[in-house]
C-alpha atoms as a PDB file:
ATOM      1  CA  MET A   1      12.461   4.459 -34.872  1.00  0.00           C
ATOM      2  CA  LYS A   2       9.478   6.759 -34.320  1.00  0.00           C
ATOM      3  CA  ASN A   3       7.833   4.758 -31.807  1.00  0.00           C
ATOM      4  CA  ARG A   4      11.274   4.769 -29.843  1.00  0.00           C
ATOM      5  CA  LEU A   5      11.514   8.376 -30.002  1.00  0.00           C
ATOM      6  CA  THR A   6       8.049   8.721 -28.254  1.00  0.00           C
ATOM      7  CA  PHE A   7       8.788   6.399 -25.715  1.00  0.00           C
ATOM      8  CA  LEU A   8      11.267   7.688 -24.401  1.00  0.00           C
ATOM      9  CA  PRO A   9       9.638  10.875 -23.048  1.00  0.00           C
ATOM     10  CA  VAL A  10       6.949   8.448 -22.057  1.00  0.00           C
ATOM     11  CA  LEU A  11       9.075   6.757 -19.735  1.00  0.00           C
ATOM     12  CA  ALA A  12      11.080   9.845 -18.558  1.00  0.00           C
ATOM     13  CA  ALA A  13       7.288  11.288 -17.484  1.00  0.00           C
ATOM     14  CA  LEU A  14       6.320   7.597 -16.116  1.00  0.00           C
ATOM     15  CA  LEU A  15       9.513   7.840 -13.996  1.00  0.00           C
ATOM     16  CA  CYS A  16       8.974  11.097 -12.568  1.00  0.00           C
ATOM     17  CA  LEU A  17       5.190  10.587 -12.026  1.00  0.00           C
ATOM     18  CA  ALA A  18       6.440   7.407  -9.842  1.00  0.00           C
ATOM     19  CA  ALA A  19       8.971   9.197  -7.657  1.00  0.00           C
ATOM     20  CA  PHE A  20       7.079  12.120  -6.809  1.00  0.00           C
ATOM     21  CA  GLY A  21       3.586   9.726  -6.371  1.00  0.00           C
ATOM     22  CA  CYS A  22       5.797   7.303  -3.830  1.00  0.00           C
ATOM     23  CA  SER A  23       7.221  10.511  -1.587  1.00  0.00           C
ATOM     24  CA  ASN A  24       4.548  10.631   0.314  1.00  0.00           C
ATOM     25  CA  LYS A  25       5.681   8.351   3.082  1.00  0.00           C
ATOM     26  CA  GLU A  26       3.795   8.788   5.818  1.00  0.00           C
ATOM     27  CA  ILE A  27       1.031   5.661   6.710  1.00  0.00           C
ATOM     28  CA  ASP A  28      -2.509   6.761   6.774  1.00  0.00           C
ATOM     29  CA  VAL A  29      -4.265   4.454   9.096  1.00  0.00           C
ATOM     30  CA  ALA A  30      -7.479   6.425   8.842  1.00  0.00           C
ATOM     31  CA  LYS A  31      -7.799   6.164   5.233  1.00  0.00           C
ATOM     32  CA  VAL A  32      -7.429   2.445   5.628  1.00  0.00           C
ATOM     33  CA  ARG A  33      -9.640   2.065   8.051  1.00  0.00           C
ATOM     34  CA  ASP A  34     -12.402   4.266   6.492  1.00  0.00           C
ATOM     35  CA  ALA A  35     -11.859   2.770   2.857  1.00  0.00           C
ATOM     36  CA  PHE A  36     -12.370  -0.648   4.588  1.00  0.00           C
ATOM     37  CA  GLN A  37     -15.031  -0.322   6.736  1.00  0.00           C
ATOM     38  CA  SER A  38     -17.508  -2.492   5.086  1.00  0.00           C
ATOM     39  CA  VAL A  39     -15.202  -5.620   6.048  1.00  0.00           C
ATOM     40  CA  THR A  40     -16.515  -7.743   8.562  1.00  0.00           C
ATOM     41  CA  GLY A  41     -16.096 -11.173  10.134  1.00  0.00           C
ATOM     42  CA  ALA A  42     -12.664 -13.200   9.612  1.00  0.00           C
ATOM     43  CA  PRO A  43     -11.046 -10.916   7.483  1.00  0.00           C
ATOM     44  CA  ARG A  44     -11.499  -8.062   9.701  1.00  0.00           C
ATOM     45  CA  GLN A  45      -8.956  -9.407  12.238  1.00  0.00           C
ATOM     46  CA  PRO A  46      -5.832  -9.475   9.798  1.00  0.00           C
ATOM     47  CA  LEU A  47      -6.840  -6.015   9.013  1.00  0.00           C
ATOM     48  CA  ASP A  48      -7.055  -4.600  12.642  1.00  0.00           C
ATOM     49  CA  GLU A  49      -4.138  -6.484  13.588  1.00  0.00           C
ATOM     50  CA  ALA A  50      -2.125  -4.754  11.008  1.00  0.00           C
ATOM     51  CA  LEU A  51      -3.588  -1.321  11.355  1.00  0.00           C
ATOM     52  CA  ARG A  52      -2.791  -1.441  15.541  1.00  0.00           C
ATOM     53  CA  ASP A  53       1.210  -2.166  14.359  1.00  0.00           C
ATOM     54  CA  ILE A  54       1.401   0.207  12.098  1.00  0.00           C
ATOM     55  CA  GLU A  55       0.578   2.433  14.761  1.00  0.00           C
ATOM     56  CA  THR A  56       2.424   1.093  17.201  1.00  0.00           C
ATOM     57  CA  SER A  57       5.512   1.399  14.448  1.00  0.00           C
ATOM     58  CA  ASN A  58       6.018  -2.412  14.023  1.00  0.00           C
ATOM     59  CA  TYR A  59       6.175  -2.503  10.422  1.00  0.00           C
ATOM     60  CA  LEU A  60       7.649  -5.981   9.936  1.00  0.00           C
ATOM     61  CA  ALA A  61       4.652  -7.770  12.057  1.00  0.00           C
ATOM     62  CA  ALA A  62       2.495  -5.963   9.996  1.00  0.00           C
ATOM     63  CA  LEU A  63       3.234  -7.086   6.654  1.00  0.00           C
ATOM     64  CA  LYS A  64       2.105 -10.503   6.898  1.00  0.00           C
ATOM     65  CA  PRO A  65      -1.741  -9.821   8.101  1.00  0.00           C
ATOM     66  CA  LEU A  66      -1.494  -7.373   5.394  1.00  0.00           C
ATOM     67  CA  ARG A  67      -0.905  -9.848   2.813  1.00  0.00           C
ATOM     68  CA  THR A  68      -3.532 -11.885   4.230  1.00  0.00           C
ATOM     69  CA  VAL A  69      -5.895  -9.354   3.567  1.00  0.00           C
ATOM     70  CA  ALA A  70      -4.817  -9.039  -0.051  1.00  0.00           C
ATOM     71  CA  PHE A  71      -5.784 -12.234  -0.754  1.00  0.00           C
ATOM     72  CA  SER A  72      -8.935 -12.920   1.537  1.00  0.00           C
ATOM     73  CA  VAL A  73     -10.728  -9.304   1.103  1.00  0.00           C
ATOM     74  CA  LYS A  74     -12.506  -8.949  -2.333  1.00  0.00           C
ATOM     75  CA  MET A  75     -11.840  -5.190  -3.096  1.00  0.00           C
ATOM     76  CA  ASN A  76     -12.864  -2.690  -5.502  1.00  0.00           C
ATOM     77  CA  ALA A  77     -10.228  -0.665  -7.340  1.00  0.00           C
ATOM     78  CA  ALA A  78      -9.675   2.513  -4.825  1.00  0.00           C
ATOM     79  CA  GLN A  79      -9.541   0.005  -1.805  1.00  0.00           C
ATOM     80  CA  ARG A  80      -6.928  -1.911  -3.782  1.00  0.00           C
ATOM     81  CA  LYS A  81      -5.235   1.188  -4.480  1.00  0.00           C
ATOM     82  CA  ILE A  82      -5.089   2.253  -0.579  1.00  0.00           C
ATOM     83  CA  LEU A  83      -3.619  -1.273   0.201  1.00  0.00           C
ATOM     84  CA  GLU A  84      -1.337  -1.529  -2.585  1.00  0.00           C
ATOM     85  CA  ASP A  85      -0.080   2.030  -1.098  1.00  0.00           C
ATOM     86  CA  THR A  86       0.167   0.780   2.764  1.00  0.00           C
ATOM     87  CA  VAL A  87       1.827  -2.097   1.947  1.00  0.00           C
ATOM     88  CA  THR A  88       4.987  -0.410  -0.319  1.00  0.00           C
ATOM     89  CA  LYS A  89       4.955   1.973   2.521  1.00  0.00           C
ATOM     90  CA  VAL A  90       5.228  -0.522   5.192  1.00  0.00           C
ATOM     91  CA  LYS A  91       8.037  -2.611   3.367  1.00  0.00           C
ATOM     92  CA  ALA A  92      10.282   0.479   3.143  1.00  0.00           C
ATOM     93  CA  ARG A  93       9.654   0.974   7.050  1.00  0.00           C
ATOM     94  CA  ALA A  94      10.137  -2.638   7.751  1.00  0.00           C
ATOM     95  CA  ALA A  95      13.350  -2.691   5.553  1.00  0.00           C
ATOM     96  CA  ALA A  96      14.490   0.466   7.382  1.00  0.00           C
ATOM     97  CA  GLN A  97      14.048  -1.533  10.984  1.00  0.00           C
ATOM     98  CA  LYS A  98      15.958  -4.559   9.962  1.00  0.00           C
END
């Protein structure tokens, strides 16, 4: 019973954090470029393609290269977080484009 009582406020706090954390809808392409400066060679091509698509507001086309980057580039925690945030924002905008 006590665990359930502490679970509800924790869940409510997490939901609030998620709502406020996801409220920034702007996609910072420069931030993504800075985070992935060390990526070279073949994985760099889909990253550049995705960023070009984002800059031209072609969010549907940007999803596939972003997924390719997610599976082909070895990332640290900060890079993974930036990529996940970018993919989430691109998905939301792509859904609005359909």
